[in-house]
Each structure stands twice: as structure tokens, then as C-alpha cells.
């Protein structure tokens, strides 16, 4: 599974040496990868928008199928996951001085899709009383790994589907792999 630095090297935004510099700086200064890259002058807004789209400021979530929360895997219908490019990353208690309730974390291929967020939250409410939600950007290759490992759907199964049944980012990613 690719990490963000590997992804940016693959997209020719950074060199492997620059990724190492960013990782060292981030560790030393206790800042995230993107923030470290910007502070070092190795990443800029134009490059991030080009690679991640206009929603690059949404928190990035590194998916690993070994740690995927199986208890939330049934929150969304498979058709919803595929059509909207959204996956439930888990839920937890939200506490605050005036807040109490359940928060749902959603991983999205395109966090700007309000229809995906609304549909996912609505479906998840059938399983839990969701009072709030957070969105995270997930990479298509990691999304595909979760589909295969957790939901039993692989890339060849998806390639047989009408692209109109798939999230546009997922469809484009599958098309590039062929």
C-alpha cells in the first residue's frame, strides 16, 4: 500500500530524496507530511490541487485493510460504496461540554461530493444514532484494497460494471490500471 510520499513520487511531484527530507522535517518538528512539505518549500498549493483536486485540504486517511474496523463494514450498502466512493472508517463517541453523541468517520475518494456524504450518513443512521461526521480523503488504490479485503470485490469485478455505476474517481483509477 502506498504512502502519500510514494504517491507523490509516482505522480512526479516529488523525488524520493525530497520525500525523505519532508519525513525527517515532519518528525523533527512534529507536523504532518503536507505541512512539512509546504514549510520546506517542496510542495505548494498548485501541486497539491493538481494531484489531489480542490479538496486537498481535507485530512488524508491512510487505509490499511489489516486495521479496518469490521464493525462498521455493514453500515453502507456495497452499491453505495461503489457509486459514491465512500467507505465507513469507524464511529466513536463524541464528547464535549455541550456535545454528546456518535461521530462517523467517512473515507471519500472525493470529499467534495456532498451527495456521497449525505447518502452515507443517512444509511449509517440505520445502524447507529449518528450525530456528527468527519470526512477524510482516501487514495483509490487503498480504497480498492479495502473493497477486495473487506467486501470481497476485486478490480476485475469492478471492470465488468458499467462505469456509470461507479464513483468517477474509482472508474478513472480502474481505467488507468487497464
N, C-alpha and C. Protein backbone atom coordinates (compact mmCIF):
# COMPACT_ATOMS: atom_id res chain seq x y z
N UNK A 1 0.83 -1.17 0.00
CA UNK A 1 0.00 0.00 0.00
C UNK A 1 0.89 1.25 0.00
N UNK A 2 0.53 2.21 -0.82
CA UNK A 2 1.35 3.41 -0.95
C UNK A 2 1.08 4.39 0.17
N UNK A 3 2.13 5.03 0.58
CA UNK A 3 2.01 6.16 1.50
C UNK A 3 1.97 7.42 0.64
N UNK A 4 1.61 8.53 1.24
CA UNK A 4 1.43 9.76 0.48
C UNK A 4 2.72 10.16 -0.25
N UNK A 5 3.87 9.98 0.39
CA UNK A 5 5.14 10.32 -0.26
C UNK A 5 5.39 9.49 -1.50
N UNK A 6 5.12 8.19 -1.42
CA UNK A 6 5.28 7.31 -2.58
C UNK A 6 4.33 7.73 -3.70
N UNK A 7 3.12 8.10 -3.33
CA UNK A 7 2.13 8.54 -4.30
C UNK A 7 2.62 9.80 -5.01
N UNK A 8 3.18 10.75 -4.27
CA UNK A 8 3.67 11.99 -4.87
C UNK A 8 4.90 11.76 -5.73
N UNK A 9 5.71 10.78 -5.39
CA UNK A 9 6.85 10.42 -6.25
C UNK A 9 6.33 9.82 -7.54
N UNK A 10 5.35 8.92 -7.42
CA UNK A 10 4.76 8.29 -8.60
C UNK A 10 4.15 9.32 -9.54
N UNK A 11 3.56 10.37 -8.99
CA UNK A 11 2.94 11.43 -9.79
C UNK A 11 3.96 12.47 -10.24
N UNK A 12 5.24 12.24 -9.91
CA UNK A 12 6.35 13.12 -10.31
C UNK A 12 6.25 14.53 -9.73
N UNK A 13 5.67 14.62 -8.54
CA UNK A 13 5.59 15.89 -7.83
C UNK A 13 6.82 16.07 -6.95
N UNK A 14 7.30 14.95 -6.38
CA UNK A 14 8.47 14.95 -5.52
C UNK A 14 9.44 13.86 -5.95
N UNK A 15 10.69 14.04 -5.55
CA UNK A 15 11.69 12.98 -5.74
C UNK A 15 11.77 12.17 -4.45
N UNK A 16 12.32 10.96 -4.50
CA UNK A 16 12.48 10.18 -3.27
C UNK A 16 13.31 10.92 -2.21
N UNK A 17 14.31 11.67 -2.64
CA UNK A 17 15.13 12.44 -1.70
C UNK A 17 14.29 13.52 -1.02
N UNK A 18 13.43 14.18 -1.77
CA UNK A 18 12.57 15.20 -1.19
C UNK A 18 11.59 14.60 -0.18
N UNK A 19 11.09 13.41 -0.48
CA UNK A 19 10.19 12.73 0.46
C UNK A 19 10.93 12.48 1.77
N UNK A 20 12.16 12.01 1.69
CA UNK A 20 12.96 11.77 2.90
C UNK A 20 13.16 13.05 3.69
N UNK A 21 13.45 14.15 2.99
CA UNK A 21 13.63 15.45 3.67
C UNK A 21 12.35 15.85 4.40
N UNK A 22 11.22 15.67 3.73
CA UNK A 22 9.93 16.03 4.33
C UNK A 22 9.65 15.16 5.55
N UNK A 23 9.90 13.86 5.43
CA UNK A 23 9.66 12.95 6.55
C UNK A 23 10.53 13.30 7.75
N UNK A 24 11.80 13.59 7.50
CA UNK A 24 12.71 13.97 8.60
C UNK A 24 12.26 15.26 9.27
N UNK A 25 11.92 16.26 8.46
CA UNK A 25 11.47 17.54 9.00
C UNK A 25 10.16 17.35 9.78
N UNK A 26 9.23 16.60 9.21
CA UNK A 26 7.96 16.36 9.87
C UNK A 26 8.12 15.69 11.22
N UNK A 27 9.02 14.74 11.28
CA UNK A 27 9.27 14.03 12.54
C UNK A 27 9.92 14.96 13.56
N UNK A 28 10.90 15.72 13.09
CA UNK A 28 11.63 16.63 13.97
C UNK A 28 10.72 17.74 14.51
N UNK A 29 9.85 18.28 13.64
CA UNK A 29 9.00 19.41 14.02
C UNK A 29 7.60 18.99 14.46
N UNK A 30 7.33 17.69 14.40
CA UNK A 30 6.04 17.13 14.79
C UNK A 30 4.88 17.75 13.99
N UNK A 31 5.05 17.76 12.65
CA UNK A 31 4.00 18.25 11.76
C UNK A 31 3.70 17.18 10.71
N UNK A 32 2.54 17.27 10.10
CA UNK A 32 2.13 16.32 9.08
C UNK A 32 2.94 16.47 7.82
N UNK A 33 2.88 15.46 6.99
CA UNK A 33 3.66 15.40 5.76
C UNK A 33 3.43 16.63 4.88
N UNK A 34 2.18 16.94 4.57
CA UNK A 34 1.88 18.06 3.69
C UNK A 34 2.36 19.39 4.25
N UNK A 35 2.14 19.59 5.53
CA UNK A 35 2.58 20.83 6.18
C UNK A 35 4.10 20.94 6.15
N UNK A 36 4.78 19.83 6.39
CA UNK A 36 6.24 19.82 6.34
C UNK A 36 6.74 20.15 4.94
N UNK A 37 6.09 19.57 3.92
CA UNK A 37 6.49 19.82 2.54
C UNK A 37 6.32 21.28 2.15
N UNK A 38 5.23 21.90 2.61
CA UNK A 38 4.98 23.30 2.31
C UNK A 38 6.00 24.18 3.04
N UNK A 39 6.25 23.88 4.31
CA UNK A 39 7.21 24.68 5.09
C UNK A 39 8.61 24.61 4.49
N UNK A 40 8.98 23.46 3.94
CA UNK A 40 10.29 23.31 3.31
C UNK A 40 10.32 23.89 1.90
N UNK A 41 9.16 24.28 1.36
CA UNK A 41 9.10 24.83 0.02
C UNK A 41 9.14 23.76 -1.07
N UNK A 42 8.91 22.51 -0.70
CA UNK A 42 8.94 21.41 -1.66
C UNK A 42 7.56 21.10 -2.23
N UNK A 43 6.53 21.55 -1.55
CA UNK A 43 5.15 21.40 -2.01
C UNK A 43 4.49 22.77 -2.01
N UNK A 44 3.60 22.97 -2.94
CA UNK A 44 2.82 24.20 -2.95
C UNK A 44 1.36 23.87 -3.28
N UNK A 45 0.51 24.87 -3.11
CA UNK A 45 -0.93 24.65 -3.31
C UNK A 45 -1.24 24.16 -4.72
N UNK A 46 -0.57 24.71 -5.72
CA UNK A 46 -0.83 24.32 -7.11
C UNK A 46 -0.56 22.83 -7.32
N UNK A 47 0.54 22.33 -6.78
CA UNK A 47 0.88 20.91 -6.93
C UNK A 47 -0.13 20.03 -6.20
N UNK A 48 -0.53 20.44 -5.02
CA UNK A 48 -1.48 19.65 -4.24
C UNK A 48 -2.85 19.61 -4.92
N UNK A 49 -3.29 20.72 -5.48
CA UNK A 49 -4.57 20.76 -6.19
C UNK A 49 -4.48 19.87 -7.43
N UNK A 50 -3.34 19.93 -8.13
CA UNK A 50 -3.16 19.13 -9.35
C UNK A 50 -3.26 17.63 -9.04
N UNK A 51 -2.69 17.20 -7.93
CA UNK A 51 -2.66 15.78 -7.59
C UNK A 51 -3.93 15.32 -6.87
N UNK A 52 -4.39 16.10 -5.89
CA UNK A 52 -5.49 15.66 -5.05
C UNK A 52 -6.82 16.34 -5.35
N UNK A 53 -6.82 17.34 -6.21
CA UNK A 53 -8.04 18.05 -6.51
C UNK A 53 -8.25 19.19 -5.54
N UNK A 54 -9.36 19.89 -5.73
CA UNK A 54 -9.62 21.09 -4.94
C UNK A 54 -9.86 20.80 -3.46
N UNK A 55 -10.06 19.54 -3.12
CA UNK A 55 -10.33 19.19 -1.72
C UNK A 55 -9.08 18.70 -0.98
N UNK A 56 -7.91 19.10 -1.46
CA UNK A 56 -6.69 18.57 -0.86
C UNK A 56 -6.54 18.95 0.60
N UNK A 57 -7.25 19.96 1.07
CA UNK A 57 -7.10 20.38 2.47
C UNK A 57 -7.85 19.47 3.43
N UNK A 58 -8.65 18.59 2.92
CA UNK A 58 -9.33 17.61 3.77
C UNK A 58 -8.26 16.65 4.29
N UNK A 59 -8.40 16.25 5.54
CA UNK A 59 -7.41 15.34 6.12
C UNK A 59 -7.31 14.07 5.29
N UNK A 60 -6.09 13.62 5.12
CA UNK A 60 -5.80 12.39 4.39
C UNK A 60 -5.84 11.24 5.37
N UNK A 61 -6.42 10.12 4.97
CA UNK A 61 -6.51 8.94 5.82
C UNK A 61 -5.81 7.80 5.12
N UNK A 62 -4.79 7.24 5.76
CA UNK A 62 -4.08 6.09 5.19
C UNK A 62 -4.83 4.82 5.58
N UNK A 63 -5.45 4.17 4.60
CA UNK A 63 -6.20 2.94 4.84
C UNK A 63 -5.28 1.74 4.85
N UNK A 64 -5.49 0.87 5.79
CA UNK A 64 -4.76 -0.39 5.86
C UNK A 64 -5.79 -1.46 6.19
N UNK A 65 -5.96 -2.41 5.28
CA UNK A 65 -7.02 -3.41 5.45
C UNK A 65 -6.84 -4.25 6.71
N UNK A 66 -5.61 -4.33 7.22
CA UNK A 66 -5.39 -5.11 8.45
C UNK A 66 -6.06 -4.47 9.65
N UNK A 67 -6.28 -3.17 9.60
CA UNK A 67 -6.85 -2.45 10.74
C UNK A 67 -8.22 -1.85 10.45
N UNK A 68 -8.83 -2.28 9.36
CA UNK A 68 -10.13 -1.73 9.01
C UNK A 68 -11.17 -2.18 10.03
N UNK A 69 -11.98 -1.26 10.55
CA UNK A 69 -12.97 -1.62 11.58
C UNK A 69 -14.11 -2.44 11.02
N UNK A 70 -14.05 -3.74 11.20
CA UNK A 70 -15.06 -4.65 10.65
C UNK A 70 -16.47 -4.32 11.15
N UNK A 71 -16.58 -3.76 12.36
CA UNK A 71 -17.91 -3.48 12.91
C UNK A 71 -18.66 -2.43 12.10
N UNK A 72 -17.96 -1.60 11.33
CA UNK A 72 -18.66 -0.60 10.52
C UNK A 72 -18.80 -1.02 9.06
N UNK A 73 -18.26 -2.19 8.71
CA UNK A 73 -18.30 -2.60 7.31
C UNK A 73 -19.72 -2.78 6.78
N UNK A 74 -20.69 -3.02 7.66
CA UNK A 74 -22.07 -3.19 7.25
C UNK A 74 -22.89 -1.91 7.27
N UNK A 75 -22.28 -0.79 7.58
CA UNK A 75 -23.02 0.48 7.67
C UNK A 75 -23.56 0.95 6.32
N UNK A 76 -22.83 0.65 5.25
CA UNK A 76 -23.23 1.11 3.92
C UNK A 76 -23.42 -0.06 2.98
N UNK A 77 -24.39 0.07 2.09
CA UNK A 77 -24.59 -0.94 1.05
C UNK A 77 -23.40 -0.89 0.10
N UNK A 78 -23.03 -2.04 -0.45
CA UNK A 78 -21.92 -2.09 -1.40
C UNK A 78 -22.18 -1.16 -2.58
N UNK A 79 -23.40 -1.10 -3.05
CA UNK A 79 -23.73 -0.23 -4.19
C UNK A 79 -23.48 1.24 -3.84
N UNK A 80 -23.74 1.62 -2.61
CA UNK A 80 -23.48 2.99 -2.17
C UNK A 80 -21.99 3.26 -2.16
N UNK A 81 -21.23 2.32 -1.63
CA UNK A 81 -19.78 2.45 -1.57
C UNK A 81 -19.20 2.66 -2.96
N UNK A 82 -19.65 1.84 -3.91
CA UNK A 82 -19.11 1.90 -5.27
C UNK A 82 -19.58 3.14 -6.02
N UNK A 83 -20.85 3.48 -5.89
CA UNK A 83 -21.41 4.61 -6.64
C UNK A 83 -20.90 5.96 -6.15
N UNK A 84 -20.68 6.06 -4.83
CA UNK A 84 -20.31 7.34 -4.25
C UNK A 84 -18.84 7.43 -3.82
N UNK A 85 -18.10 6.31 -3.88
CA UNK A 85 -16.70 6.35 -3.48
C UNK A 85 -16.52 6.71 -2.02
N UNK A 86 -17.37 6.14 -1.18
CA UNK A 86 -17.35 6.45 0.25
C UNK A 86 -17.27 5.14 1.04
N UNK A 87 -16.51 5.17 2.11
CA UNK A 87 -16.34 3.97 2.92
C UNK A 87 -16.38 4.37 4.40
N UNK A 88 -17.06 3.59 5.25
CA UNK A 88 -17.11 3.94 6.67
C UNK A 88 -15.80 3.56 7.35
N UNK A 89 -15.16 4.53 7.98
CA UNK A 89 -13.86 4.29 8.62
C UNK A 89 -13.98 4.00 10.10
N UNK A 90 -15.17 4.08 10.63
CA UNK A 90 -15.37 3.81 12.05
C UNK A 90 -16.26 4.86 12.67
N UNK A 91 -16.69 4.58 13.87
CA UNK A 91 -17.50 5.54 14.61
C UNK A 91 -17.03 5.53 16.05
N UNK A 92 -17.33 6.59 16.72
CA UNK A 92 -16.92 6.69 18.12
C UNK A 92 -17.77 7.70 18.84
N UNK A 93 -17.57 7.78 20.13
CA UNK A 93 -18.31 8.73 20.95
C UNK A 93 -17.70 10.10 20.82
N UNK A 94 -18.56 11.08 20.66
CA UNK A 94 -18.12 12.47 20.61
C UNK A 94 -18.54 13.11 21.93
N UNK A 95 -17.57 13.66 22.61
CA UNK A 95 -17.87 14.28 23.90
C UNK A 95 -17.33 15.70 23.90
N UNK A 96 -18.05 16.53 24.53
CA UNK A 96 -17.65 17.91 24.70
C UNK A 96 -18.51 18.52 25.77
N UNK A 97 -18.27 19.77 26.06
CA UNK A 97 -19.01 20.42 27.12
C UNK A 97 -20.51 20.40 26.84
N UNK A 98 -20.88 20.70 25.59
CA UNK A 98 -22.29 20.69 25.22
C UNK A 98 -22.61 19.63 24.18
N UNK A 99 -21.66 18.80 23.84
CA UNK A 99 -21.87 17.79 22.80
C UNK A 99 -21.84 16.40 23.38
N UNK A 100 -22.70 15.57 22.88
CA UNK A 100 -22.68 14.15 23.19
C UNK A 100 -23.28 13.43 21.99
N UNK A 101 -22.72 12.31 21.62
CA UNK A 101 -23.29 11.55 20.52
C UNK A 101 -22.24 10.71 19.82
N UNK A 102 -22.63 10.18 18.68
CA UNK A 102 -21.74 9.33 17.87
C UNK A 102 -21.26 10.10 16.66
N UNK A 103 -19.98 9.97 16.40
CA UNK A 103 -19.39 10.59 15.22
C UNK A 103 -18.99 9.48 14.26
N UNK A 104 -19.29 9.66 13.00
CA UNK A 104 -18.97 8.71 11.96
C UNK A 104 -17.84 9.27 11.11
N UNK A 105 -16.78 8.52 10.94
CA UNK A 105 -15.68 8.90 10.08
C UNK A 105 -15.89 8.26 8.72
N UNK A 106 -15.85 9.09 7.69
CA UNK A 106 -16.06 8.62 6.32
C UNK A 106 -14.81 8.85 5.49
N UNK A 107 -14.40 7.84 4.74
CA UNK A 107 -13.32 7.98 3.79
C UNK A 107 -13.93 8.17 2.42
N UNK A 108 -13.50 9.21 1.72
CA UNK A 108 -14.06 9.52 0.40
C UNK A 108 -12.97 9.68 -0.64
N UNK A 109 -13.25 9.18 -1.83
CA UNK A 109 -12.34 9.40 -2.95
C UNK A 109 -12.40 10.86 -3.38
N UNK A 110 -13.56 11.50 -3.19
CA UNK A 110 -13.74 12.92 -3.48
C UNK A 110 -14.52 13.54 -2.33
N UNK A 111 -13.83 14.10 -1.33
CA UNK A 111 -14.53 14.68 -0.18
C UNK A 111 -15.44 15.85 -0.50
N UNK A 112 -15.41 16.34 -1.72
CA UNK A 112 -16.30 17.43 -2.12
C UNK A 112 -17.68 16.96 -2.54
N UNK A 113 -17.89 15.65 -2.59
CA UNK A 113 -19.19 15.11 -3.01
C UNK A 113 -20.17 15.13 -1.84
N UNK A 114 -20.94 16.20 -1.76
CA UNK A 114 -21.92 16.32 -0.69
C UNK A 114 -22.98 15.23 -0.79
N UNK A 115 -23.32 14.80 -2.00
CA UNK A 115 -24.32 13.74 -2.15
C UNK A 115 -23.81 12.43 -1.54
N UNK A 116 -22.52 12.18 -1.64
CA UNK A 116 -21.93 10.98 -1.05
C UNK A 116 -22.00 11.03 0.47
N UNK A 117 -21.67 12.18 1.02
CA UNK A 117 -21.69 12.35 2.47
C UNK A 117 -23.11 12.19 3.01
N UNK A 118 -24.05 12.86 2.38
CA UNK A 118 -25.45 12.80 2.83
C UNK A 118 -26.00 11.38 2.75
N UNK A 119 -25.71 10.69 1.65
CA UNK A 119 -26.21 9.32 1.49
C UNK A 119 -25.58 8.40 2.53
N UNK A 120 -24.28 8.51 2.73
CA UNK A 120 -23.58 7.64 3.69
C UNK A 120 -24.07 7.86 5.11
N UNK A 121 -24.22 9.10 5.51
CA UNK A 121 -24.69 9.38 6.87
C UNK A 121 -26.11 8.87 7.05
N UNK A 122 -26.95 9.06 6.06
CA UNK A 122 -28.32 8.59 6.13
C UNK A 122 -28.38 7.05 6.28
N UNK A 123 -27.60 6.36 5.47
CA UNK A 123 -27.57 4.88 5.56
C UNK A 123 -27.00 4.41 6.89
N UNK A 124 -25.95 5.05 7.34
CA UNK A 124 -25.30 4.63 8.59
C UNK A 124 -26.22 4.81 9.79
N UNK A 125 -27.11 5.79 9.71
CA UNK A 125 -28.04 6.03 10.81
C UNK A 125 -28.98 4.86 11.05
N UNK A 126 -29.10 3.96 10.10
CA UNK A 126 -29.91 2.76 10.29
C UNK A 126 -29.21 1.79 11.27
N UNK A 127 -27.91 1.96 11.45
CA UNK A 127 -27.12 1.08 12.32
C UNK A 127 -26.78 1.73 13.66
N UNK A 128 -26.61 3.04 13.66
CA UNK A 128 -26.26 3.76 14.88
C UNK A 128 -26.87 5.14 14.84
N UNK A 129 -27.04 5.72 15.99
CA UNK A 129 -27.53 7.10 16.09
C UNK A 129 -26.35 8.03 15.86
N UNK A 130 -26.16 8.43 14.63
CA UNK A 130 -25.05 9.29 14.23
C UNK A 130 -25.46 10.75 14.42
N UNK A 131 -24.67 11.48 15.19
CA UNK A 131 -24.98 12.89 15.42
C UNK A 131 -24.03 13.83 14.68
N UNK A 132 -22.89 13.31 14.25
CA UNK A 132 -21.92 14.14 13.55
C UNK A 132 -21.09 13.25 12.63
N UNK A 133 -20.32 13.86 11.76
CA UNK A 133 -19.46 13.08 10.87
C UNK A 133 -18.23 13.90 10.50
N UNK A 134 -17.18 13.21 10.12
CA UNK A 134 -15.95 13.82 9.62
C UNK A 134 -15.59 13.14 8.32
N UNK A 135 -15.02 13.89 7.42
CA UNK A 135 -14.64 13.33 6.13
C UNK A 135 -13.12 13.31 6.01
N UNK A 136 -12.63 12.27 5.35
CA UNK A 136 -11.21 12.10 5.09
C UNK A 136 -11.03 11.73 3.63
N UNK A 137 -9.96 12.20 3.05
CA UNK A 137 -9.59 11.82 1.70
C UNK A 137 -8.89 10.48 1.75
N UNK A 138 -9.28 9.54 0.88
CA UNK A 138 -8.59 8.26 0.77
C UNK A 138 -8.12 8.08 -0.67
N UNK A 139 -7.02 7.38 -0.83
CA UNK A 139 -6.46 7.12 -2.15
C UNK A 139 -7.17 5.94 -2.80
N UNK A 140 -7.30 5.98 -4.11
CA UNK A 140 -8.05 4.96 -4.84
C UNK A 140 -7.45 3.57 -4.68
N UNK A 141 -6.13 3.45 -4.67
CA UNK A 141 -5.54 2.11 -4.54
C UNK A 141 -5.83 1.50 -3.18
N UNK A 142 -5.84 2.33 -2.14
CA UNK A 142 -6.17 1.84 -0.80
C UNK A 142 -7.66 1.53 -0.68
N UNK A 143 -8.47 2.34 -1.31
CA UNK A 143 -9.91 2.11 -1.35
C UNK A 143 -10.19 0.75 -2.00
N UNK A 144 -9.51 0.49 -3.11
CA UNK A 144 -9.66 -0.78 -3.83
C UNK A 144 -9.21 -1.96 -2.98
N UNK A 145 -8.14 -1.78 -2.21
CA UNK A 145 -7.67 -2.84 -1.31
C UNK A 145 -8.73 -3.18 -0.26
N UNK A 146 -9.38 -2.17 0.29
CA UNK A 146 -10.45 -2.40 1.27
C UNK A 146 -11.63 -3.11 0.60
N UNK A 147 -11.96 -2.68 -0.62
CA UNK A 147 -13.05 -3.35 -1.34
C UNK A 147 -12.77 -4.84 -1.48
N UNK A 148 -11.55 -5.17 -1.83
CA UNK A 148 -11.21 -6.58 -2.03
C UNK A 148 -11.13 -7.34 -0.70
N UNK A 149 -10.42 -6.79 0.25
CA UNK A 149 -10.17 -7.49 1.53
C UNK A 149 -11.41 -7.59 2.41
N UNK A 150 -12.15 -6.50 2.52
CA UNK A 150 -13.29 -6.45 3.45
C UNK A 150 -14.60 -6.83 2.76
N UNK A 151 -14.79 -6.36 1.52
CA UNK A 151 -16.07 -6.56 0.84
C UNK A 151 -16.03 -7.65 -0.24
N UNK A 152 -14.85 -8.21 -0.49
CA UNK A 152 -14.73 -9.31 -1.45
C UNK A 152 -14.93 -8.91 -2.91
N UNK A 153 -14.68 -7.65 -3.24
CA UNK A 153 -14.85 -7.16 -4.61
C UNK A 153 -13.47 -6.76 -5.14
N UNK A 154 -13.06 -7.37 -6.24
CA UNK A 154 -11.74 -7.02 -6.78
C UNK A 154 -11.86 -6.16 -8.03
N UNK A 155 -10.72 -5.70 -8.51
CA UNK A 155 -10.69 -4.78 -9.65
C UNK A 155 -11.31 -5.40 -10.90
N UNK A 156 -11.10 -6.68 -11.11
CA UNK A 156 -11.67 -7.31 -12.31
C UNK A 156 -13.20 -7.36 -12.23
N UNK A 157 -13.74 -7.55 -11.02
CA UNK A 157 -15.20 -7.49 -10.84
C UNK A 157 -15.72 -6.10 -11.19
N UNK A 158 -15.00 -5.08 -10.75
CA UNK A 158 -15.43 -3.70 -10.99
C UNK A 158 -15.30 -3.32 -12.45
N UNK A 159 -14.28 -3.85 -13.12
CA UNK A 159 -14.06 -3.54 -14.53
C UNK A 159 -15.22 -4.03 -15.41
N UNK A 160 -15.95 -5.02 -14.94
CA UNK A 160 -17.08 -5.57 -15.69
C UNK A 160 -18.34 -4.72 -15.53
N UNK A 161 -18.33 -3.82 -14.57
CA UNK A 161 -19.50 -2.98 -14.32
C UNK A 161 -19.54 -1.80 -15.29
N UNK A 162 -20.73 -1.29 -15.47
CA UNK A 162 -20.92 -0.06 -16.22
C UNK A 162 -20.24 1.06 -15.42
N UNK A 163 -19.34 1.83 -16.04
CA UNK A 163 -18.68 2.91 -15.31
C UNK A 163 -19.65 3.90 -14.66
N UNK A 164 -20.86 4.02 -15.18
CA UNK A 164 -21.86 4.89 -14.59
C UNK A 164 -22.33 4.43 -13.22
N UNK A 165 -22.06 3.16 -12.88
CA UNK A 165 -22.42 2.63 -11.56
C UNK A 165 -21.34 2.89 -10.52
N UNK A 166 -20.21 3.46 -10.97
CA UNK A 166 -19.06 3.67 -10.09
C UNK A 166 -18.80 5.15 -9.86
N UNK A 167 -18.22 5.46 -8.72
CA UNK A 167 -17.75 6.80 -8.46
C UNK A 167 -16.78 7.19 -9.58
N UNK A 168 -16.84 8.41 -10.10
CA UNK A 168 -15.96 8.80 -11.21
C UNK A 168 -14.48 8.63 -10.91
N UNK A 169 -14.05 8.91 -9.70
CA UNK A 169 -12.64 8.74 -9.34
C UNK A 169 -12.25 7.27 -9.39
N UNK A 170 -13.11 6.41 -8.89
CA UNK A 170 -12.84 4.97 -8.92
C UNK A 170 -12.82 4.46 -10.35
N UNK A 171 -13.79 4.90 -11.17
CA UNK A 171 -13.83 4.48 -12.57
C UNK A 171 -12.57 4.91 -13.32
N UNK A 172 -12.13 6.14 -13.08
CA UNK A 172 -10.93 6.65 -13.73
C UNK A 172 -9.70 5.87 -13.28
N UNK A 173 -9.61 5.56 -11.99
CA UNK A 173 -8.49 4.79 -11.47
C UNK A 173 -8.44 3.40 -12.10
N UNK A 174 -9.59 2.76 -12.21
CA UNK A 174 -9.64 1.43 -12.82
C UNK A 174 -9.26 1.49 -14.30
N UNK A 175 -9.70 2.53 -14.98
CA UNK A 175 -9.37 2.69 -16.40
C UNK A 175 -7.87 2.86 -16.59
N UNK A 176 -7.21 3.58 -15.70
CA UNK A 176 -5.76 3.79 -15.78
C UNK A 176 -4.99 2.51 -15.54
N UNK A 177 -5.56 1.59 -14.76
CA UNK A 177 -4.88 0.34 -14.42
C UNK A 177 -4.90 -0.65 -15.58
N UNK A 178 -5.86 -0.50 -16.49
CA UNK A 178 -6.03 -1.45 -17.59
C UNK A 178 -5.05 -1.17 -18.70
